[in-house]
């Protein structure tokens, strides 16, 4: 397990990278549609700000957070998920950006005050604090991908993605259970390569496997791309089914992305040919 301090630094770096993209936008760009239909860039940043606030609340006021979750989630889940979007639509782009900056700064401060092994309430089972930091990094990166695609930008991957991949592996059983499917007892070997020759392997003794670029694996488990549109090498029935249902985030089963049928946004293709990782 990586030290909490390093995870927080990675989260802050991911947020800063996205901030640099947003800082250069014209006001009209904020209303561009993203692949996460029907959200715009404005909606996406508002969503991040709202849930960065909720994360801080979960740390500083767990009882109040639990009460809010119990009240809100007894109703329409989708409606609750769009509360932040409604707030953002009443703001100017500069106000939305300022909101997110404040919310994420408070979140980083709150994370720095908790013990790495402590359990933090969230939407579903409580999470270890280190996993909660990684989840915010994952959300920032995944929604940042939506924003980049809306702007027709290509982002360069970083090795921070190994944090996201680790969470993707940890949510293997959840991906099945969330769809009412029995979680396989057999694990899947995951061997991923990143930037500068870095690589990592999970479940090295498993028979089924997923091998390829860490960026593409992360795009699949965050449901930002269909696995058929990647260079991932998938071997075994369990690995195949996992890639079909993989979901790293909380909430009802996501719709995922169809394969090669999205005419509005370019099909993602990785542009690196690093060597296969070794165990």
C-alpha atoms as a PDB file:
ATOM      1  CA  UNK A   1       0.000   0.000   0.000  1.00  0.00           C
ATOM      2  CA  UNK A   2       1.355   3.429  -0.914  1.00  0.00           C
ATOM      3  CA  UNK A   3       1.742   6.044   1.843  1.00  0.00           C
ATOM      4  CA  UNK A   4      -1.253   8.329   2.327  1.00  0.00           C
ATOM      5  CA  UNK A   5       0.897  11.395   1.703  1.00  0.00           C
ATOM      6  CA  UNK A   6       1.931  10.145  -1.742  1.00  0.00           C
ATOM      7  CA  UNK A   7      -1.667   9.368  -2.679  1.00  0.00           C
ATOM      8  CA  UNK A   8      -2.764  12.862  -1.659  1.00  0.00           C
ATOM      9  CA  UNK A   9       0.073  14.341  -3.721  1.00  0.00           C
ATOM     10  CA  UNK A  10      -1.056  12.319  -6.746  1.00  0.00           C
ATOM     11  CA  UNK A  11      -4.640  13.505  -6.272  1.00  0.00           C
ATOM     12  CA  UNK A  12      -3.497  17.113  -6.071  1.00  0.00           C
ATOM     13  CA  UNK A  13      -1.379  16.693  -9.210  1.00  0.00           C
ATOM     14  CA  UNK A  14      -4.311  15.192 -11.128  1.00  0.00           C
ATOM     15  CA  UNK A  15      -6.542  18.059 -10.066  1.00  0.00           C
ATOM     16  CA  UNK A  16      -3.891  20.600 -11.068  1.00  0.00           C
ATOM     17  CA  UNK A  17      -3.542  19.060 -14.530  1.00  0.00           C
ATOM     18  CA  UNK A  18      -7.286  19.358 -15.099  1.00  0.00           C
ATOM     19  CA  UNK A  19      -7.279  22.892 -13.717  1.00  0.00           C
ATOM     20  CA  UNK A  20      -4.720  23.885 -16.366  1.00  0.00           C
ATOM     21  CA  UNK A  21      -7.077  22.703 -19.091  1.00  0.00           C
ATOM     22  CA  UNK A  22     -10.041  24.553 -17.605  1.00  0.00           C
ATOM     23  CA  UNK A  23      -8.123  27.787 -17.039  1.00  0.00           C
ATOM     24  CA  UNK A  24      -7.592  28.217 -20.769  1.00  0.00           C
ATOM     25  CA  UNK A  25     -11.235  27.811 -21.784  1.00  0.00           C
ATOM     26  CA  UNK A  26     -13.486  30.485 -23.216  1.00  0.00           C
ATOM     27  CA  UNK A  27     -16.846  30.879 -21.487  1.00  0.00           C
ATOM     28  CA  UNK A  28     -18.633  29.220 -24.404  1.00  0.00           C
ATOM     29  CA  UNK A  29     -16.465  26.120 -24.097  1.00  0.00           C
ATOM     30  CA  UNK A  30     -18.004  25.335 -20.726  1.00  0.00           C
ATOM     31  CA  UNK A  31     -21.273  24.412 -22.415  1.00  0.00           C
ATOM     32  CA  UNK A  32     -19.726  21.977 -24.891  1.00  0.00           C
ATOM     33  CA  UNK A  33     -21.242  18.483 -24.631  1.00  0.00           C
ATOM     34  CA  UNK A  34     -19.118  15.650 -23.282  1.00  0.00           C
ATOM     35  CA  UNK A  35     -19.369  11.924 -24.087  1.00  0.00           C
ATOM     36  CA  UNK A  36     -21.137  11.549 -20.713  1.00  0.00           C
ATOM     37  CA  UNK A  37     -24.457  12.546 -22.256  1.00  0.00           C
ATOM     38  CA  UNK A  38     -26.164  14.899 -21.435  1.00  0.00           C
ATOM     39  CA  UNK A  39     -23.448  16.535 -19.332  1.00  0.00           C
ATOM     40  CA  UNK A  40     -21.478  19.557 -20.496  1.00  0.00           C
ATOM     41  CA  UNK A  41     -18.033  20.614 -19.298  1.00  0.00           C
ATOM     42  CA  UNK A  42     -19.771  22.943 -16.820  1.00  0.00           C
ATOM     43  CA  UNK A  43     -21.866  20.041 -15.520  1.00  0.00           C
ATOM     44  CA  UNK A  44     -18.809  17.829 -15.163  1.00  0.00           C
ATOM     45  CA  UNK A  45     -16.809  20.318 -13.101  1.00  0.00           C
ATOM     46  CA  UNK A  46     -19.893  21.034 -10.973  1.00  0.00           C
ATOM     47  CA  UNK A  47     -20.233  17.307 -10.328  1.00  0.00           C
ATOM     48  CA  UNK A  48     -16.609  17.126  -9.191  1.00  0.00           C
ATOM     49  CA  UNK A  49     -17.015  20.135  -6.909  1.00  0.00           C
ATOM     50  CA  UNK A  50     -20.193  18.790  -5.327  1.00  0.00           C
ATOM     51  CA  UNK A  51     -18.696  15.404  -4.496  1.00  0.00           C
ATOM     52  CA  UNK A  52     -15.416  16.884  -3.306  1.00  0.00           C
ATOM     53  CA  UNK A  53     -17.621  18.767  -0.821  1.00  0.00           C
ATOM     54  CA  UNK A  54     -19.431  15.563   0.106  1.00  0.00           C
ATOM     55  CA  UNK A  55     -16.108  13.830   0.717  1.00  0.00           C
ATOM     56  CA  UNK A  56     -15.043  16.583   3.108  1.00  0.00           C
ATOM     57  CA  UNK A  57     -18.388  16.314   4.876  1.00  0.00           C
ATOM     58  CA  UNK A  58     -17.963  12.540   5.194  1.00  0.00           C
ATOM     59  CA  UNK A  59     -14.627  13.125   6.953  1.00  0.00           C
ATOM     60  CA  UNK A  60     -15.523  16.088   9.156  1.00  0.00           C
ATOM     61  CA  UNK A  61     -19.189  15.330   9.877  1.00  0.00           C
ATOM     62  CA  UNK A  62     -19.784  11.599   9.329  1.00  0.00           C
ATOM     63  CA  UNK A  63     -23.115  11.617  11.184  1.00  0.00           C
ATOM     64  CA  UNK A  64     -24.427  14.494   9.095  1.00  0.00           C
ATOM     65  CA  UNK A  65     -23.193  12.846   5.923  1.00  0.00           C
ATOM     66  CA  UNK A  66     -24.863   9.546   6.820  1.00  0.00           C
ATOM     67  CA  UNK A  67     -28.137  11.336   7.544  1.00  0.00           C
ATOM     68  CA  UNK A  68     -27.999  13.148   4.206  1.00  0.00           C
ATOM     69  CA  UNK A  69     -27.284   9.931   2.337  1.00  0.00           C
ATOM     70  CA  UNK A  70     -30.138   8.099   4.058  1.00  0.00           C
ATOM     71  CA  UNK A  71     -32.568  10.907   3.285  1.00  0.00           C
ATOM     72  CA  UNK A  72     -31.472  11.559  -0.268  1.00  0.00           C
ATOM     73  CA  UNK A  73     -30.953   8.033  -1.493  1.00  0.00           C
ATOM     74  CA  UNK A  74     -34.372   6.841  -0.385  1.00  0.00           C
ATOM     75  CA  UNK A  75     -35.633   8.889  -3.318  1.00  0.00           C
ATOM     76  CA  UNK A  76     -34.422   9.212  -6.887  1.00  0.00           C
ATOM     77  CA  UNK A  77     -30.717   8.307  -7.103  1.00  0.00           C
ATOM     78  CA  UNK A  78     -30.246  10.045 -10.448  1.00  0.00           C
ATOM     79  CA  UNK A  79     -31.859  13.198  -9.092  1.00  0.00           C
ATOM     80  CA  UNK A  80     -29.442  13.260  -6.172  1.00  0.00           C
ATOM     81  CA  UNK A  81     -26.493  12.808  -8.508  1.00  0.00           C
ATOM     82  CA  UNK A  82     -27.479  15.972 -10.385  1.00  0.00           C
ATOM     83  CA  UNK A  83     -27.815  18.342  -7.402  1.00  0.00           C
ATOM     84  CA  UNK A  84     -24.351  19.727  -8.005  1.00  0.00           C
ATOM     85  CA  UNK A  85     -25.056  20.106 -11.706  1.00  0.00           C
ATOM     86  CA  UNK A  86     -28.088  22.243 -10.925  1.00  0.00           C
ATOM     87  CA  UNK A  87     -25.973  24.494  -8.727  1.00  0.00           C
ATOM     88  CA  UNK A  88     -23.352  24.876 -11.421  1.00  0.00           C
ATOM     89  CA  UNK A  89     -25.873  25.818 -14.086  1.00  0.00           C
ATOM     90  CA  UNK A  90     -26.808  28.852 -12.006  1.00  0.00           C
ATOM     91  CA  UNK A  91     -23.168  30.013 -11.933  1.00  0.00           C
ATOM     92  CA  UNK A  92     -20.815  31.607 -14.420  1.00  0.00           C
ATOM     93  CA  UNK A  93     -17.879  29.477 -15.631  1.00  0.00           C
ATOM     94  CA  UNK A  94     -15.465  31.426 -13.428  1.00  0.00           C
ATOM     95  CA  UNK A  95     -17.706  30.809 -10.417  1.00  0.00           C
ATOM     96  CA  UNK A  96     -17.865  27.073 -11.148  1.00  0.00           C
ATOM     97  CA  UNK A  97     -14.083  26.901 -11.402  1.00  0.00           C
ATOM     98  CA  UNK A  98     -13.678  28.848  -8.143  1.00  0.00           C
ATOM     99  CA  UNK A  99     -16.179  26.496  -6.471  1.00  0.00           C
ATOM    100  CA  UNK A 100     -14.231  23.431  -7.538  1.00  0.00           C
ATOM    101  CA  UNK A 101     -10.917  24.953  -6.478  1.00  0.00           C
ATOM    102  CA  UNK A 102     -12.249  25.684  -3.010  1.00  0.00           C
ATOM    103  CA  UNK A 103     -13.970  22.304  -2.665  1.00  0.00           C
ATOM    104  CA  UNK A 104     -10.947  20.304  -3.718  1.00  0.00           C
ATOM    105  CA  UNK A 105      -8.575  22.321  -1.501  1.00  0.00           C
ATOM    106  CA  UNK A 106     -10.795  21.626   1.496  1.00  0.00           C
ATOM    107  CA  UNK A 107     -10.887  17.969   0.522  1.00  0.00           C
ATOM    108  CA  UNK A 108      -7.104  17.706   0.376  1.00  0.00           C
ATOM    109  CA  UNK A 109      -6.826  19.325   3.807  1.00  0.00           C
ATOM    110  CA  UNK A 110      -9.422  16.950   5.232  1.00  0.00           C
ATOM    111  CA  UNK A 111      -7.678  13.881   3.804  1.00  0.00           C
ATOM    112  CA  UNK A 112      -4.385  14.996   5.366  1.00  0.00           C
ATOM    113  CA  UNK A 113      -6.005  14.874   8.823  1.00  0.00           C
ATOM    114  CA  UNK A 114      -7.215  11.257   8.750  1.00  0.00           C
ATOM    115  CA  UNK A 115      -5.387   8.022   9.492  1.00  0.00           C
ATOM    116  CA  UNK A 116      -4.701   5.924   6.368  1.00  0.00           C
ATOM    117  CA  UNK A 117      -6.424   2.840   7.799  1.00  0.00           C
ATOM    118  CA  UNK A 118      -9.521   4.661   9.044  1.00  0.00           C
ATOM    119  CA  UNK A 119     -12.877   3.845   7.453  1.00  0.00           C
ATOM    120  CA  UNK A 120     -14.746   6.690   5.785  1.00  0.00           C
ATOM    121  CA  UNK A 121     -18.466   6.635   5.061  1.00  0.00           C
ATOM    122  CA  UNK A 122     -19.490   6.895   1.419  1.00  0.00           C
ATOM    123  CA  UNK A 123     -22.282   5.833  -0.933  1.00  0.00           C
ATOM    124  CA  UNK A 124     -22.303   2.145  -0.152  1.00  0.00           C
ATOM    125  CA  UNK A 125     -19.837   0.362   2.143  1.00  0.00           C
ATOM    126  CA  UNK A 126     -17.384   2.504   4.103  1.00  0.00           C
ATOM    127  CA  UNK A 127     -13.968   2.799   2.460  1.00  0.00           C
ATOM    128  CA  UNK A 128     -10.451   2.775   3.798  1.00  0.00           C
ATOM    129  CA  UNK A 129      -9.115   6.344   3.712  1.00  0.00           C
ATOM    130  CA  UNK A 130      -6.410   5.437   1.203  1.00  0.00           C
ATOM    131  CA  UNK A 131      -9.055   4.027  -1.141  1.00  0.00           C
ATOM    132  CA  UNK A 132     -11.163   7.155  -0.697  1.00  0.00           C
ATOM    133  CA  UNK A 133      -8.255   9.320  -1.874  1.00  0.00           C
ATOM    134  CA  UNK A 134      -7.747   7.011  -4.837  1.00  0.00           C
ATOM    135  CA  UNK A 135     -11.453   7.187  -5.645  1.00  0.00           C
ATOM    136  CA  UNK A 136     -11.306  10.996  -5.839  1.00  0.00           C
ATOM    137  CA  UNK A 137      -8.246  10.707  -8.092  1.00  0.00           C
ATOM    138  CA  UNK A 138     -10.151   8.251 -10.279  1.00  0.00           C
ATOM    139  CA  UNK A 139     -13.165  10.560 -10.519  1.00  0.00           C
ATOM    140  CA  UNK A 140     -10.968  13.543 -11.383  1.00  0.00           C
ATOM    141  CA  UNK A 141      -9.108  11.619 -14.073  1.00  0.00           C
ATOM    142  CA  UNK A 142     -12.187   9.956 -15.591  1.00  0.00           C
ATOM    143  CA  UNK A 143     -14.218  13.157 -15.766  1.00  0.00           C
ATOM    144  CA  UNK A 144     -11.111  14.927 -17.002  1.00  0.00           C
ATOM    145  CA  UNK A 145     -11.115  12.433 -19.872  1.00  0.00           C
ATOM    146  CA  UNK A 146     -14.694  13.428 -20.688  1.00  0.00           C
ATOM    147  CA  UNK A 147     -13.642  17.081 -20.750  1.00  0.00           C
ATOM    148  CA  UNK A 148     -10.604  16.360 -22.916  1.00  0.00           C
ATOM    149  CA  UNK A 149     -12.737  14.491 -25.442  1.00  0.00           C
ATOM    150  CA  UNK A 150     -15.251  17.336 -25.513  1.00  0.00           C
ATOM    151  CA  UNK A 151     -12.369  19.651 -26.416  1.00  0.00           C
ATOM    152  CA  UNK A 152     -10.889  17.134 -28.909  1.00  0.00           C
ATOM    153  CA  UNK A 153      -7.739  17.026 -26.812  1.00  0.00           C
ATOM    154  CA  UNK A 154      -5.382  14.095 -26.299  1.00  0.00           C
ATOM    155  CA  UNK A 155      -3.964  13.837 -22.795  1.00  0.00           C
ATOM    156  CA  UNK A 156      -0.661  12.169 -22.073  1.00  0.00           C
ATOM    157  CA  UNK A 157      -0.987   9.323 -19.551  1.00  0.00           C
ATOM    158  CA  UNK A 158       0.923   9.434 -16.276  1.00  0.00           C
ATOM    159  CA  UNK A 159       1.925   6.730 -13.838  1.00  0.00           C
ATOM    160  CA  UNK A 160      -0.657   8.111 -11.420  1.00  0.00           C
ATOM    161  CA  UNK A 161      -2.964   5.782 -13.327  1.00  0.00           C
ATOM    162  CA  UNK A 162      -1.538   2.803 -11.456  1.00  0.00           C
ATOM    163  CA  UNK A 163      -3.527   4.114  -8.471  1.00  0.00           C
ATOM    164  CA  UNK A 164      -6.711   3.971 -10.547  1.00  0.00           C
ATOM    165  CA  UNK A 165      -5.812   0.542 -11.885  1.00  0.00           C
ATOM    166  CA  UNK A 166      -5.281  -0.753  -8.342  1.00  0.00           C
ATOM    167  CA  UNK A 167      -8.781   0.392  -7.413  1.00  0.00           C
ATOM    168  CA  UNK A 168     -10.069  -1.198 -10.606  1.00  0.00           C
ATOM    169  CA  UNK A 169      -8.605  -4.543  -9.560  1.00  0.00           C
ATOM    170  CA  UNK A 170      -9.999  -4.176  -6.039  1.00  0.00           C
ATOM    171  CA  UNK A 171     -13.520  -3.623  -7.423  1.00  0.00           C
ATOM    172  CA  UNK A 172     -13.465  -6.900  -9.390  1.00  0.00           C
ATOM    173  CA  UNK A 173     -16.074  -8.606  -7.184  1.00  0.00           C
ATOM    174  CA  UNK A 174     -18.129  -5.412  -6.860  1.00  0.00           C
ATOM    175  CA  UNK A 175     -18.457  -5.167 -10.650  1.00  0.00           C
ATOM    176  CA  UNK A 176     -20.280  -8.494 -10.724  1.00  0.00           C
ATOM    177  CA  UNK A 177     -22.294  -8.076  -7.517  1.00  0.00           C
ATOM    178  CA  UNK A 178     -23.502  -4.643  -8.622  1.00  0.00           C
ATOM    179  CA  UNK A 179     -25.240  -6.309 -11.568  1.00  0.00           C
ATOM    180  CA  UNK A 180     -26.703  -9.105  -9.484  1.00  0.00           C
ATOM    181  CA  UNK A 181     -24.144 -11.603 -10.772  1.00  0.00           C
ATOM    182  CA  UNK A 182     -22.182 -14.032  -8.596  1.00  0.00           C
ATOM    183  CA  UNK A 183     -18.608 -12.872  -8.189  1.00  0.00           C
ATOM    184  CA  UNK A 184     -16.167 -15.470  -9.546  1.00  0.00           C
ATOM    185  CA  UNK A 185     -13.977 -17.128  -6.948  1.00  0.00           C
ATOM    186  CA  UNK A 186     -11.103 -17.197  -9.425  1.00  0.00           C
ATOM    187  CA  UNK A 187      -9.233 -13.917  -9.774  1.00  0.00           C
ATOM    188  CA  UNK A 188      -7.786 -12.465 -12.964  1.00  0.00           C
ATOM    189  CA  UNK A 189      -4.114 -11.744 -13.555  1.00  0.00           C
ATOM    190  CA  UNK A 190      -3.716  -8.092 -14.519  1.00  0.00           C
ATOM    191  CA  UNK A 191      -0.394  -7.026 -16.062  1.00  0.00           C
ATOM    192  CA  UNK A 192      -0.168  -3.379 -17.057  1.00  0.00           C
ATOM    193  CA  UNK A 193       2.540  -1.153 -18.469  1.00  0.00           C
ATOM    194  CA  UNK A 194       2.825   2.574 -17.930  1.00  0.00           C
ATOM    195  CA  UNK A 195       5.165   5.424 -18.729  1.00  0.00           C
ATOM    196  CA  UNK A 196       8.942   5.069 -18.799  1.00  0.00           C
ATOM    197  CA  UNK A 197       8.941   1.294 -18.588  1.00  0.00           C
ATOM    198  CA  UNK A 198       7.039   1.092 -15.315  1.00  0.00           C
ATOM    199  CA  UNK A 199       4.803  -1.944 -14.933  1.00  0.00           C
ATOM    200  CA  UNK A 200       2.780  -3.773 -12.334  1.00  0.00           C
ATOM    201  CA  UNK A 201       1.171  -7.191 -11.999  1.00  0.00           C
ATOM    202  CA  UNK A 202      -1.777  -8.207  -9.797  1.00  0.00           C
ATOM    203  CA  UNK A 203      -2.897 -11.788  -8.998  1.00  0.00           C
ATOM    204  CA  UNK A 204       0.158 -13.254 -10.705  1.00  0.00           C
ATOM    205  CA  UNK A 205      -0.909 -16.884 -10.174  1.00  0.00           C
ATOM    206  CA  UNK A 206      -4.365 -16.545 -11.789  1.00  0.00           C
ATOM    207  CA  UNK A 207      -5.124 -18.352 -15.048  1.00  0.00           C
ATOM    208  CA  UNK A 208      -7.288 -15.736 -16.780  1.00  0.00           C
ATOM    209  CA  UNK A 209      -5.561 -12.480 -17.621  1.00  0.00           C
ATOM    210  CA  UNK A 210      -5.820  -8.908 -18.862  1.00  0.00           C
ATOM    211  CA  UNK A 211      -2.617  -7.427 -20.280  1.00  0.00           C
ATOM    212  CA  UNK A 212      -1.843  -4.064 -21.858  1.00  0.00           C
ATOM    213  CA  UNK A 213      -1.472  -0.312 -21.295  1.00  0.00           C
ATOM    214  CA  UNK A 214      -2.522   0.954 -17.862  1.00  0.00           C
ATOM    215  CA  UNK A 215      -4.353   3.863 -19.498  1.00  0.00           C
ATOM    216  CA  UNK A 216      -6.611   1.582 -21.519  1.00  0.00           C
ATOM    217  CA  UNK A 217      -7.392  -0.627 -18.532  1.00  0.00           C
ATOM    218  CA  UNK A 218      -8.381   2.476 -16.564  1.00  0.00           C
ATOM    219  CA  UNK A 219     -10.561   3.722 -19.415  1.00  0.00           C
ATOM    220  CA  UNK A 220     -12.407   0.396 -19.405  1.00  0.00           C
ATOM    221  CA  UNK A 221     -12.991   0.097 -15.649  1.00  0.00           C
ATOM    222  CA  UNK A 222     -14.188   3.729 -15.498  1.00  0.00           C
ATOM    223  CA  UNK A 223     -16.480   2.961 -18.462  1.00  0.00           C
ATOM    224  CA  UNK A 224     -14.867   5.598 -20.690  1.00  0.00           C
ATOM    225  CA  UNK A 225     -14.247   3.161 -23.537  1.00  0.00           C
ATOM    226  CA  UNK A 226     -15.436  -0.250 -24.657  1.00  0.00           C
ATOM    227  CA  UNK A 227     -12.783  -2.907 -24.174  1.00  0.00           C
ATOM    228  CA  UNK A 228     -13.190  -3.880 -27.859  1.00  0.00           C
ATOM    229  CA  UNK A 229     -11.707  -0.511 -28.810  1.00  0.00           C
ATOM    230  CA  UNK A 230      -8.484  -1.078 -26.863  1.00  0.00           C
ATOM    231  CA  UNK A 231      -5.250  -2.991 -27.291  1.00  0.00           C
ATOM    232  CA  UNK A 232      -5.892  -4.997 -24.117  1.00  0.00           C
ATOM    233  CA  UNK A 233      -5.212  -8.713 -24.475  1.00  0.00           C
ATOM    234  CA  UNK A 234      -7.980 -10.576 -22.647  1.00  0.00           C
ATOM    235  CA  UNK A 235      -7.611 -14.305 -22.028  1.00  0.00           C
ATOM    236  CA  UNK A 236     -10.207 -16.511 -20.345  1.00  0.00           C
ATOM    237  CA  UNK A 237     -13.970 -16.421 -19.856  1.00  0.00           C
ATOM    238  CA  UNK A 238     -13.824 -14.735 -16.449  1.00  0.00           C
ATOM    239  CA  UNK A 239     -11.517 -12.001 -17.711  1.00  0.00           C
ATOM    240  CA  UNK A 240     -13.780 -11.482 -20.716  1.00  0.00           C
ATOM    241  CA  UNK A 241     -16.905 -11.168 -18.583  1.00  0.00           C
ATOM    242  CA  UNK A 242     -15.144  -8.802 -16.177  1.00  0.00           C
ATOM    243  CA  UNK A 243     -14.208  -6.437 -18.971  1.00  0.00           C
ATOM    244  CA  UNK A 244     -17.852  -6.458 -20.076  1.00  0.00           C
ATOM    245  CA  UNK A 245     -19.208  -5.470 -16.638  1.00  0.00           C
ATOM    246  CA  UNK A 246     -16.246  -3.655 -15.051  1.00  0.00           C
ATOM    247  CA  UNK A 247     -17.278  -0.650 -12.957  1.00  0.00           C
ATOM    248  CA  UNK A 248     -14.927   1.107 -10.592  1.00  0.00           C
ATOM    249  CA  UNK A 249     -17.380   3.721  -9.291  1.00  0.00           C
ATOM    250  CA  UNK A 250     -20.260   3.488  -6.807  1.00  0.00           C
ATOM    251  CA  UNK A 251     -23.895   3.567  -7.826  1.00  0.00           C
ATOM    252  CA  UNK A 252     -26.194   1.511 -10.071  1.00  0.00           C
ATOM    253  CA  UNK A 253     -24.691  -0.282 -13.078  1.00  0.00           C
ATOM    254  CA  UNK A 254     -23.436   2.256 -15.587  1.00  0.00           C
ATOM    255  CA  UNK A 255     -24.367   2.065 -19.275  1.00  0.00           C
ATOM    256  CA  UNK A 256     -20.754   1.885 -20.413  1.00  0.00           C
ATOM    257  CA  UNK A 257     -19.728   2.915 -23.914  1.00  0.00           C
ATOM    258  CA  UNK A 258     -20.704   1.111 -27.111  1.00  0.00           C
ATOM    259  CA  UNK A 259     -17.959  -0.165 -29.382  1.00  0.00           C
ATOM    260  CA  UNK A 260     -17.058   1.955 -32.425  1.00  0.00           C
ATOM    261  CA  UNK A 261     -20.467   3.564 -32.858  1.00  0.00           C
ATOM    262  CA  UNK A 262     -19.916   6.981 -31.271  1.00  0.00           C
ATOM    263  CA  UNK A 263     -19.752   9.412 -34.188  1.00  0.00           C
ATOM    264  CA  UNK A 264     -19.604  12.530 -32.011  1.00  0.00           C
ATOM    265  CA  UNK A 265     -16.358  11.703 -30.234  1.00  0.00           C
ATOM    266  CA  UNK A 266     -13.223  10.085 -31.634  1.00  0.00           C
ATOM    267  CA  UNK A 267     -12.444   6.497 -30.763  1.00  0.00           C
ATOM    268  CA  UNK A 268      -9.569   6.462 -28.314  1.00  0.00           C
ATOM    269  CA  UNK A 269      -6.398   4.660 -29.311  1.00  0.00           C
ATOM    270  CA  UNK A 270      -3.273   4.552 -27.154  1.00  0.00           C
ATOM    271  CA  UNK A 271      -0.038   5.591 -28.825  1.00  0.00           C
ATOM    272  CA  UNK A 272       2.635   3.720 -26.942  1.00  0.00           C
ATOM    273  CA  UNK A 273       4.357   0.411 -27.572  1.00  0.00           C
ATOM    274  CA  UNK A 274       6.103  -0.324 -24.291  1.00  0.00           C
ATOM    275  CA  UNK A 275       7.265  -3.847 -23.612  1.00  0.00           C
ATOM    276  CA  UNK A 276       4.968  -6.273 -21.833  1.00  0.00           C
ATOM    277  CA  UNK A 277       5.415  -6.133 -18.045  1.00  0.00           C
ATOM    278  CA  UNK A 278       7.059  -9.011 -16.315  1.00  0.00           C
ATOM    279  CA  UNK A 279       6.218 -10.513 -12.980  1.00  0.00           C
END
